[in-house]
PDB file of all heavy atoms in Angstrom:
ATOM      1  N   THR A   1       0.834  -1.217  -0.005  1.00  0.00           N
ATOM      2  CA  THR A   1       0.053   0.003   0.046  1.00  0.00           C
ATOM      3  C   THR A   1       0.815   1.249   0.036  1.00  0.00           C
ATOM      4  O   THR A   1       1.942   1.261   0.520  1.00  0.00           O
ATOM      5  CB  THR A   1      -0.889   0.013   1.173  1.00  0.00           C
ATOM      6  OG1 THR A   1      -1.819   1.079   1.127  1.00  0.00           O
ATOM      7  CG2 THR A   1      -0.169   0.046   2.473  1.00  0.00           C
ATOM      8  N   THR A   2       0.409   2.290  -0.698  1.00  0.00           N
ATOM      9  CA  THR A   2       0.949   3.557  -0.636  1.00  0.00           C
ATOM     10  C   THR A   2      -0.031   4.644  -0.175  1.00  0.00           C
ATOM     11  O   THR A   2       0.269   5.809  -0.238  1.00  0.00           O
ATOM     12  CB  THR A   2       1.460   4.056  -2.051  1.00  0.00           C
ATOM     13  OG1 THR A   2       0.436   4.034  -2.888  1.00  0.00           O
ATOM     14  CG2 THR A   2       2.616   3.127  -2.499  1.00  0.00           C
ATOM     15  N   ASP A   3      -1.058   4.163   0.430  1.00  0.00           N
ATOM     16  CA  ASP A   3      -2.170   4.971   0.941  1.00  0.00           C
ATOM     17  C   ASP A   3      -2.026   5.288   2.393  1.00  0.00           C
ATOM     18  O   ASP A   3      -2.091   4.296   3.225  1.00  0.00           O
ATOM     19  CB  ASP A   3      -3.607   4.339   0.649  1.00  0.00           C
ATOM     20  CG  ASP A   3      -4.619   5.265   1.075  1.00  0.00           C
ATOM     21  OD1 ASP A   3      -4.507   6.285   1.605  1.00  0.00           O
ATOM     22  OD2 ASP A   3      -5.841   4.805   0.888  1.00  0.00           O
ATOM     23  N   VAL A   4      -1.773   6.537   2.868  1.00  0.00           N
ATOM     24  CA  VAL A   4      -1.565   6.835   4.217  1.00  0.00           C
ATOM     25  C   VAL A   4      -2.748   6.462   5.167  1.00  0.00           C
ATOM     26  O   VAL A   4      -2.704   6.169   6.393  1.00  0.00           O
ATOM     27  CB  VAL A   4      -1.130   8.264   4.430  1.00  0.00           C
ATOM     28  CG1 VAL A   4      -2.283   9.256   4.264  1.00  0.00           C
ATOM     29  CG2 VAL A   4      -0.651   8.456   5.984  1.00  0.00           C
ATOM     30  N   HIS A   5      -4.011   6.355   4.588  1.00  0.00           N
ATOM     31  CA  HIS A   5      -5.159   5.949   5.280  1.00  0.00           C
ATOM     32  C   HIS A   5      -4.997   4.624   5.870  1.00  0.00           C
ATOM     33  O   HIS A   5      -5.617   4.248   6.923  1.00  0.00           O
ATOM     34  CB  HIS A   5      -6.422   5.997   4.464  1.00  0.00           C
ATOM     35  CG  HIS A   5      -6.839   7.331   3.880  1.00  0.00           C
ATOM     36  ND1 HIS A   5      -6.250   8.070   2.984  1.00  0.00           N
ATOM     37  CD2 HIS A   5      -7.870   8.157   4.517  1.00  0.00           C
ATOM     38  CE1 HIS A   5      -6.897   9.217   2.811  1.00  0.00           C
ATOM     39  NE2 HIS A   5      -7.892   9.326   3.674  1.00  0.00           N
ATOM     40  N   ASP A   6      -4.203   3.795   5.149  1.00  0.00           N
ATOM     41  CA  ASP A   6      -3.949   2.370   5.646  1.00  0.00           C
ATOM     42  C   ASP A   6      -3.179   2.298   6.860  1.00  0.00           C
ATOM     43  O   ASP A   6      -3.074   1.350   7.506  1.00  0.00           O
ATOM     44  CB  ASP A   6      -3.341   1.516   4.441  1.00  0.00           C
ATOM     45  CG  ASP A   6      -4.274   1.192   3.443  1.00  0.00           C
ATOM     46  OD1 ASP A   6      -5.483   1.090   3.624  1.00  0.00           O
ATOM     47  OD2 ASP A   6      -3.841   1.011   2.245  1.00  0.00           O
ATOM     48  N   HIS A   7      -2.472   3.372   7.201  1.00  0.00           N
ATOM     49  CA  HIS A   7      -1.721   3.405   8.353  1.00  0.00           C
ATOM     50  C   HIS A   7      -2.659   3.173   9.659  1.00  0.00           C
ATOM     51  O   HIS A   7      -2.360   2.407  10.566  1.00  0.00           O
ATOM     52  CB  HIS A   7      -0.989   4.694   8.670  1.00  0.00           C
ATOM     53  CG  HIS A   7      -0.053   4.789   9.789  1.00  0.00           C
ATOM     54  ND1 HIS A   7       1.139   4.027   9.691  1.00  0.00           N
ATOM     55  CD2 HIS A   7      -0.017   5.357  11.087  1.00  0.00           C
ATOM     56  CE1 HIS A   7       1.819   4.198  10.836  1.00  0.00           C
ATOM     57  NE2 HIS A   7       1.091   5.014  11.598  1.00  0.00           N
ATOM     58  N   SER A   8      -3.750   3.617   9.611  1.00  0.00           N
ATOM     59  CA  SER A   8      -4.810   3.438  10.697  1.00  0.00           C
ATOM     60  C   SER A   8      -5.470   2.166  10.563  1.00  0.00           C
ATOM     61  O   SER A   8      -6.208   1.647  11.544  1.00  0.00           O
ATOM     62  CB  SER A   8      -5.821   4.486  10.637  1.00  0.00           C
ATOM     63  OG  SER A   8      -5.316   5.740  10.996  1.00  0.00           O
ATOM     64  N   ARG A   9      -5.338   1.429   9.448  1.00  0.00           N
ATOM     65  CA  ARG A   9      -5.871   0.030   9.235  1.00  0.00           C
ATOM     66  C   ARG A   9      -4.796  -0.937   9.725  1.00  0.00           C
ATOM     67  O   ARG A   9      -5.144  -2.051  10.221  1.00  0.00           O
ATOM     68  CB  ARG A   9      -6.290  -0.183   7.828  1.00  0.00           C
ATOM     69  CG  ARG A   9      -7.347   0.722   7.424  1.00  0.00           C
ATOM     70  CD  ARG A   9      -7.883   0.546   5.895  1.00  0.00           C
ATOM     71  NE  ARG A   9      -8.853   1.411   5.522  1.00  0.00           N
ATOM     72  CZ  ARG A   9      -8.598   2.356   4.590  1.00  0.00           C
ATOM     73  NH1 ARG A   9      -7.466   2.703   3.968  1.00  0.00           N
ATOM     74  NH2 ARG A   9      -9.507   3.307   4.371  1.00  0.00           N
ATOM     75  N   ILE A  10      -3.541  -0.638   9.602  1.00  0.00           N
ATOM     76  CA  ILE A  10      -2.446  -1.462   9.988  1.00  0.00           C
ATOM     77  C   ILE A  10      -2.322  -1.413  11.588  1.00  0.00           C
ATOM     78  O   ILE A  10      -2.324  -2.453  12.258  1.00  0.00           O
ATOM     79  CB  ILE A  10      -1.131  -1.018   9.362  1.00  0.00           C
ATOM     80  CG1 ILE A  10      -1.168  -1.415   7.859  1.00  0.00           C
ATOM     81  CG2 ILE A  10       0.097  -1.762   9.966  1.00  0.00           C
ATOM     82  CD1 ILE A  10      -0.058  -0.808   7.088  1.00  0.00           C
ATOM     83  N   ARG A  11      -2.235  -0.114  12.030  1.00  0.00           N
ATOM     84  CA  ARG A  11      -2.297   0.016  13.497  1.00  0.00           C
ATOM     85  C   ARG A  11      -3.654   0.408  13.960  1.00  0.00           C
ATOM     86  O   ARG A  11      -3.985   1.460  14.227  1.00  0.00           O
ATOM     87  CB  ARG A  11      -1.270   1.290  13.865  1.00  0.00           C
ATOM     88  CG  ARG A  11       0.141   0.893  13.384  1.00  0.00           C
ATOM     89  CD  ARG A  11       1.094   1.927  13.798  1.00  0.00           C
ATOM     90  NE  ARG A  11       2.450   1.506  13.487  1.00  0.00           N
ATOM     91  CZ  ARG A  11       3.389   0.784  14.322  1.00  0.00           C
ATOM     92  NH1 ARG A  11       2.802   0.423  15.553  1.00  0.00           N
ATOM     93  NH2 ARG A  11       4.503   0.299  13.938  1.00  0.00           N
ATOM     94  N   ASP A  12      -4.464  -0.719  13.933  1.00  0.00           N
ATOM     95  CA  ASP A  12      -5.882  -0.509  14.099  1.00  0.00           C
ATOM     96  C   ASP A  12      -6.387  -0.449  15.658  1.00  0.00           C
ATOM     97  O   ASP A  12      -5.541  -0.747  16.614  1.00  0.00           O
ATOM     98  CB  ASP A  12      -6.656  -1.632  13.353  1.00  0.00           C
ATOM     99  CG  ASP A  12      -6.389  -3.051  13.739  1.00  0.00           C
ATOM    100  OD1 ASP A  12      -5.738  -3.295  14.800  1.00  0.00           O
ATOM    101  OD2 ASP A  12      -6.748  -3.924  13.111  1.00  0.00           O
ATOM    102  N   HIS A  13      -7.693  -0.479  15.779  1.00  0.00           N
ATOM    103  CA  HIS A  13      -8.170  -0.464  17.072  1.00  0.00           C
ATOM    104  C   HIS A  13      -7.910  -1.690  17.891  1.00  0.00           C
ATOM    105  O   HIS A  13      -7.515  -1.696  19.084  1.00  0.00           O
ATOM    106  CB  HIS A  13      -9.766  -0.397  17.049  1.00  0.00           C
ATOM    107  CG  HIS A  13     -10.295   0.931  16.680  1.00  0.00           C
ATOM    108  ND1 HIS A  13     -10.230   1.403  15.357  1.00  0.00           N
ATOM    109  CD2 HIS A  13     -10.957   1.827  17.377  1.00  0.00           C
ATOM    110  CE1 HIS A  13     -10.711   2.659  15.269  1.00  0.00           C
ATOM    111  NE2 HIS A  13     -11.206   2.974  16.455  1.00  0.00           N
ATOM    112  N   GLN A  14      -7.845  -2.833  17.200  1.00  0.00           N
ATOM    113  CA  GLN A  14      -7.582  -4.127  17.828  1.00  0.00           C
ATOM    114  C   GLN A  14      -6.163  -4.132  18.393  1.00  0.00           C
ATOM    115  O   GLN A  14      -5.837  -4.746  19.572  1.00  0.00           O
ATOM    116  CB  GLN A  14      -7.767  -5.226  16.889  1.00  0.00           C
ATOM    117  CG  GLN A  14      -7.633  -6.622  17.528  1.00  0.00           C
ATOM    118  CD  GLN A  14      -7.823  -7.830  16.515  1.00  0.00           C
ATOM    119  OE1 GLN A  14      -7.781  -7.526  15.338  1.00  0.00           O
ATOM    120  NE2 GLN A  14      -8.108  -9.039  17.118  1.00  0.00           N
ATOM    121  N   ALA A  15      -5.111  -3.623  17.580  1.00  0.00           N
ATOM    122  CA  ALA A  15      -3.776  -3.621  18.068  1.00  0.00           C
ATOM    123  C   ALA A  15      -3.629  -2.904  19.400  1.00  0.00           C
ATOM    124  O   ALA A  15      -2.897  -3.234  20.231  1.00  0.00           O
ATOM    125  CB  ALA A  15      -2.871  -2.959  16.935  1.00  0.00           C
ATOM    126  N   ALA A  16      -4.308  -1.698  19.474  1.00  0.00           N
ATOM    127  CA  ALA A  16      -4.239  -0.812  20.613  1.00  0.00           C
ATOM    128  C   ALA A  16      -4.743  -1.602  21.846  1.00  0.00           C
ATOM    129  O   ALA A  16      -4.393  -1.776  22.973  1.00  0.00           O
ATOM    130  CB  ALA A  16      -4.779   0.501  20.451  1.00  0.00           C
ATOM    131  N   MET A  17      -5.970  -2.142  21.649  1.00  0.00           N
ATOM    132  CA  MET A  17      -6.716  -2.720  22.603  1.00  0.00           C
ATOM    133  C   MET A  17      -6.176  -3.941  23.224  1.00  0.00           C
ATOM    134  O   MET A  17      -6.147  -4.186  24.463  1.00  0.00           O
ATOM    135  CB  MET A  17      -8.215  -3.061  22.067  1.00  0.00           C
ATOM    136  CG  MET A  17      -9.250  -3.386  23.157  1.00  0.00           C
ATOM    137  SD  MET A  17      -9.562  -2.022  24.282  1.00  0.00           S
ATOM    138  CE  MET A  17     -10.886  -2.760  25.204  1.00  0.00           C
ATOM    139  N   ILE A  18      -5.657  -4.737  22.379  1.00  0.00           N
ATOM    140  CA  ILE A  18      -4.971  -6.058  22.856  1.00  0.00           C
ATOM    141  C   ILE A  18      -3.756  -5.670  23.753  1.00  0.00           C
ATOM    142  O   ILE A  18      -3.588  -6.207  24.901  1.00  0.00           O
ATOM    143  CB  ILE A  18      -4.578  -6.877  21.759  1.00  0.00           C
ATOM    144  CG1 ILE A  18      -5.804  -7.529  20.983  1.00  0.00           C
ATOM    145  CG2 ILE A  18      -3.577  -7.926  22.108  1.00  0.00           C
ATOM    146  CD1 ILE A  18      -5.298  -8.234  19.624  1.00  0.00           C
ATOM    147  N   ALA A  19      -2.944  -4.753  23.348  1.00  0.00           N
ATOM    148  CA  ALA A  19      -1.738  -4.491  24.155  1.00  0.00           C
ATOM    149  C   ALA A  19      -2.081  -3.799  25.333  1.00  0.00           C
ATOM    150  O   ALA A  19      -1.507  -4.043  26.481  1.00  0.00           O
ATOM    151  CB  ALA A  19      -0.717  -3.563  23.242  1.00  0.00           C
ATOM    152  N   THR A  20      -3.078  -2.883  25.305  1.00  0.00           N
ATOM    153  CA  THR A  20      -3.453  -2.147  26.571  1.00  0.00           C
ATOM    154  C   THR A  20      -4.020  -3.107  27.622  1.00  0.00           C
ATOM    155  O   THR A  20      -3.818  -2.998  28.842  1.00  0.00           O
ATOM    156  CB  THR A  20      -4.296  -0.942  26.324  1.00  0.00           C
ATOM    157  OG1 THR A  20      -3.666   0.033  25.384  1.00  0.00           O
ATOM    158  CG2 THR A  20      -4.848  -0.206  27.502  1.00  0.00           C
ATOM    159  N   THR A  21      -4.885  -3.961  27.130  1.00  0.00           N
ATOM    160  CA  THR A  21      -5.502  -4.923  28.007  1.00  0.00           C
ATOM    161  C   THR A  21      -4.349  -5.751  28.617  1.00  0.00           C
ATOM    162  O   THR A  21      -4.436  -6.137  29.871  1.00  0.00           O
ATOM    163  CB  THR A  21      -6.517  -5.848  27.244  1.00  0.00           C
ATOM    164  OG1 THR A  21      -7.476  -5.027  26.634  1.00  0.00           O
ATOM    165  CG2 THR A  21      -7.117  -6.856  28.073  1.00  0.00           C
ATOM    166  N   ARG A  22      -3.481  -6.246  27.868  1.00  0.00           N
ATOM    167  CA  ARG A  22      -2.307  -7.098  28.384  1.00  0.00           C
ATOM    168  C   ARG A  22      -1.593  -6.424  29.402  1.00  0.00           C
ATOM    169  O   ARG A  22      -1.364  -6.901  30.418  1.00  0.00           O
ATOM    170  CB  ARG A  22      -1.433  -7.453  27.084  1.00  0.00           C
ATOM    171  CG  ARG A  22      -0.323  -8.289  27.475  1.00  0.00           C
ATOM    172  CD  ARG A  22       0.500  -8.476  26.229  1.00  0.00           C
ATOM    173  NE  ARG A  22       1.603  -9.373  26.197  1.00  0.00           N
ATOM    174  CZ  ARG A  22       2.516  -9.558  25.341  1.00  0.00           C
ATOM    175  NH1 ARG A  22       2.556  -8.770  24.280  1.00  0.00           N
ATOM    176  NH2 ARG A  22       3.438 -10.489  25.462  1.00  0.00           N
ATOM    177  N   ALA A  23      -1.226  -5.084  29.133  1.00  0.00           N
ATOM    178  CA  ALA A  23      -0.380  -4.372  30.095  1.00  0.00           C
ATOM    179  C   ALA A  23      -1.180  -4.100  31.459  1.00  0.00           C
ATOM    180  O   ALA A  23      -0.582  -4.216  32.495  1.00  0.00           O
ATOM    181  CB  ALA A  23       0.078  -3.031  29.511  1.00  0.00           C
ATOM    182  N   ILE A  24      -2.442  -3.789  31.337  1.00  0.00           N
ATOM    183  CA  ILE A  24      -3.208  -3.488  32.584  1.00  0.00           C
ATOM    184  C   ILE A  24      -3.329  -4.811  33.342  1.00  0.00           C
ATOM    185  O   ILE A  24      -3.316  -4.828  34.594  1.00  0.00           O
ATOM    186  CB  ILE A  24      -4.579  -2.904  32.175  1.00  0.00           C
ATOM    187  CG1 ILE A  24      -4.384  -1.544  31.774  1.00  0.00           C
ATOM    188  CG2 ILE A  24      -5.563  -2.980  33.355  1.00  0.00           C
ATOM    189  CD1 ILE A  24      -5.618  -0.808  31.256  1.00  0.00           C
ATOM    190  N   ASP A  25      -3.467  -6.008  32.694  1.00  0.00           N
ATOM    191  CA  ASP A  25      -3.530  -7.210  33.457  1.00  0.00           C
ATOM    192  C   ASP A  25      -2.287  -7.380  34.238  1.00  0.00           C
ATOM    193  O   ASP A  25      -2.248  -7.970  35.279  1.00  0.00           O
ATOM    194  CB  ASP A  25      -3.844  -8.296  32.410  1.00  0.00           C
ATOM    195  CG  ASP A  25      -3.724  -9.707  32.951  1.00  0.00           C
ATOM    196  OD1 ASP A  25      -4.544 -10.100  33.850  1.00  0.00           O
ATOM    197  OD2 ASP A  25      -2.633 -10.410  32.656  1.00  0.00           O
ATOM    198  N   LEU A  26      -1.133  -7.214  33.472  1.00  0.00           N
ATOM    199  CA  LEU A  26       0.124  -7.390  34.072  1.00  0.00           C
ATOM    200  C   LEU A  26       0.254  -6.508  35.389  1.00  0.00           C
ATOM    201  O   LEU A  26       0.706  -6.913  36.462  1.00  0.00           O
ATOM    202  CB  LEU A  26       1.330  -7.121  33.174  1.00  0.00           C
ATOM    203  CG  LEU A  26       1.602  -8.136  32.151  1.00  0.00           C
ATOM    204  CD1 LEU A  26       2.320  -7.484  30.989  1.00  0.00           C
ATOM    205  CD2 LEU A  26       2.440  -9.275  32.783  1.00  0.00           C
ATOM    206  N   ALA A  27       0.000  -5.265  35.246  1.00  0.00           N
ATOM    207  CA  ALA A  27      -0.021  -4.262  36.381  1.00  0.00           C
ATOM    208  C   ALA A  27      -0.813  -4.723  37.611  1.00  0.00           C
ATOM    209  O   ALA A  27      -0.494  -4.702  38.683  1.00  0.00           O
ATOM    210  CB  ALA A  27      -0.434  -2.990  35.864  1.00  0.00           C
ATOM    211  N   LYS A  28      -2.100  -5.221  37.259  1.00  0.00           N
ATOM    212  CA  LYS A  28      -3.036  -5.590  38.337  1.00  0.00           C
ATOM    213  C   LYS A  28      -2.409  -6.933  39.000  1.00  0.00           C
ATOM    214  O   LYS A  28      -2.419  -7.042  40.284  1.00  0.00           O
ATOM    215  CB  LYS A  28      -4.306  -5.774  37.861  1.00  0.00           C
ATOM    216  CG  LYS A  28      -5.125  -4.365  37.517  1.00  0.00           C
ATOM    217  CD  LYS A  28      -6.464  -4.541  37.014  1.00  0.00           C
ATOM    218  CE  LYS A  28      -7.082  -3.096  36.891  1.00  0.00           C
ATOM    219  NZ  LYS A  28      -8.490  -3.308  36.492  1.00  0.00           N
ATOM    220  N   ARG A  29      -1.933  -7.822  38.264  1.00  0.00           N
ATOM    221  CA  ARG A  29      -1.600  -9.147  38.871  1.00  0.00           C
ATOM    222  C   ARG A  29      -0.405  -8.892  39.674  1.00  0.00           C
ATOM    223  O   ARG A  29      -0.147  -9.645  40.658  1.00  0.00           O
ATOM    224  CB  ARG A  29      -1.303 -10.070  37.740  1.00  0.00           C
ATOM    225  CG  ARG A  29      -2.548 -10.676  37.219  1.00  0.00           C
ATOM    226  CD  ARG A  29      -2.319 -12.022  36.415  1.00  0.00           C
ATOM    227  NE  ARG A  29      -1.582 -11.659  35.115  1.00  0.00           N
ATOM    228  CZ  ARG A  29      -0.228 -11.918  34.898  1.00  0.00           C
ATOM    229  NH1 ARG A  29       0.478 -12.524  35.750  1.00  0.00           N
ATOM    230  NH2 ARG A  29       0.204 -11.675  33.650  1.00  0.00           N
ATOM    231  N   HIS A  30       0.538  -8.031  39.328  1.00  0.00           N
ATOM    232  CA  HIS A  30       1.731  -7.850  40.089  1.00  0.00           C
ATOM    233  C   HIS A  30       1.725  -6.530  40.950  1.00  0.00           C
ATOM    234  O   HIS A  30       2.625  -6.202  41.538  1.00  0.00           O
ATOM    235  CB  HIS A  30       2.947  -7.593  38.900  1.00  0.00           C
ATOM    236  CG  HIS A  30       3.262  -8.815  38.289  1.00  0.00           C
ATOM    237  ND1 HIS A  30       3.858  -9.951  38.858  1.00  0.00           N
ATOM    238  CD2 HIS A  30       2.993  -9.205  36.874  1.00  0.00           C
ATOM    239  CE1 HIS A  30       4.096 -10.879  37.958  1.00  0.00           C
ATOM    240  NE2 HIS A  30       3.515 -10.389  36.704  1.00  0.00           N
ATOM    241  N   HIS A  31       0.523  -5.882  41.071  1.00  0.00           N
ATOM    242  CA  HIS A  31       0.277  -4.739  41.823  1.00  0.00           C
ATOM    243  C   HIS A  31       1.367  -3.697  41.573  1.00  0.00           C
ATOM    244  O   HIS A  31       2.056  -3.358  42.588  1.00  0.00           O
ATOM    245  CB  HIS A  31       0.259  -5.142  43.328  1.00  0.00           C
ATOM    246  CG  HIS A  31      -0.487  -4.115  44.055  1.00  0.00           C
ATOM    247  ND1 HIS A  31      -1.921  -3.938  44.021  1.00  0.00           N
ATOM    248  CD2 HIS A  31      -0.104  -3.160  44.911  1.00  0.00           C
ATOM    249  CE1 HIS A  31      -2.146  -2.849  44.816  1.00  0.00           C
ATOM    250  NE2 HIS A  31      -1.205  -2.442  45.405  1.00  0.00           N
ATOM    251  N   HIS A  32       1.442  -3.367  40.384  1.00  0.00           N
ATOM    252  CA  HIS A  32       2.504  -2.405  39.871  1.00  0.00           C
ATOM    253  C   HIS A  32       1.946  -1.238  39.157  1.00  0.00           C
ATOM    254  O   HIS A  32       1.152  -1.311  38.302  1.00  0.00           O
ATOM    255  CB  HIS A  32       3.532  -3.100  38.949  1.00  0.00           C
ATOM    256  CG  HIS A  32       4.850  -2.494  38.890  1.00  0.00           C
ATOM    257  ND1 HIS A  32       5.986  -3.318  38.940  1.00  0.00           N
ATOM    258  CD2 HIS A  32       5.247  -1.267  38.679  1.00  0.00           C
ATOM    259  CE1 HIS A  32       6.984  -2.510  38.786  1.00  0.00           C
ATOM    260  NE2 HIS A  32       6.577  -1.232  38.723  1.00  0.00           N
ATOM    261  N   ARG A  33       2.278   0.002  39.732  1.00  0.00           N
ATOM    262  CA  ARG A  33       1.788   1.228  39.073  1.00  0.00           C
ATOM    263  C   ARG A  33       2.092   1.259  37.538  1.00  0.00           C
ATOM    264  O   ARG A  33       3.203   1.001  37.120  1.00  0.00           O
ATOM    265  CB  ARG A  33       2.440   2.434  39.805  1.00  0.00           C
ATOM    266  CG  ARG A  33       1.745   2.821  41.103  1.00  0.00           C
ATOM    267  CD  ARG A  33       2.613   3.737  41.927  1.00  0.00           C
ATOM    268  NE  ARG A  33       2.932   4.920  41.091  1.00  0.00           N
ATOM    269  CZ  ARG A  33       3.830   5.871  41.457  1.00  0.00           C
ATOM    270  NH1 ARG A  33       4.519   5.662  42.597  1.00  0.00           N
ATOM    271  NH2 ARG A  33       4.036   6.901  40.739  1.00  0.00           N
ATOM    272  N   PHE A  34       1.084   1.598  36.710  1.00  0.00           N
ATOM    273  CA  PHE A  34       1.251   1.648  35.286  1.00  0.00           C
ATOM    274  C   PHE A  34       0.560   2.868  34.742  1.00  0.00           C
ATOM    275  O   PHE A  34      -0.673   3.038  34.914  1.00  0.00           O
ATOM    276  CB  PHE A  34       0.727   0.292  34.748  1.00  0.00           C
ATOM    277  CG  PHE A  34       0.885   0.154  33.234  1.00  0.00           C
ATOM    278  CD1 PHE A  34       2.154   0.010  32.702  1.00  0.00           C
ATOM    279  CD2 PHE A  34      -0.143   0.270  32.383  1.00  0.00           C
ATOM    280  CE1 PHE A  34       2.322   0.014  31.271  1.00  0.00           C
ATOM    281  CE2 PHE A  34       0.000   0.206  30.961  1.00  0.00           C
ATOM    282  CZ  PHE A  34       1.248   0.048  30.574  1.00  0.00           C
ATOM    283  N   HIS A  35       1.141   3.493  33.754  1.00  0.00           N
ATOM    284  CA  HIS A  35       0.562   4.612  33.053  1.00  0.00           C
ATOM    285  C   HIS A  35       0.429   4.352  31.512  1.00  0.00           C
ATOM    286  O   HIS A  35       1.346   3.954  30.918  1.00  0.00           O
ATOM    287  CB  HIS A  35       1.519   5.790  33.203  1.00  0.00           C
ATOM    288  CG  HIS A  35       1.045   7.113  32.635  1.00  0.00           C
ATOM    289  ND1 HIS A  35      -0.066   7.737  33.145  1.00  0.00           N
ATOM    290  CD2 HIS A  35       1.586   7.912  31.708  1.00  0.00           C
ATOM    291  CE1 HIS A  35      -0.359   8.844  32.384  1.00  0.00           C
ATOM    292  NE2 HIS A  35       0.636   8.958  31.596  1.00  0.00           N
TER     293      HIS A  35
END
């Protein structure tokens, strides 16, 4: 692709949601402050 609109399809909602969910789970299980 050469369409910059595809940047938001590559780095999509799911990519953000999966990683944030994962990090918050780690923080809560280890009782570690996380931003």
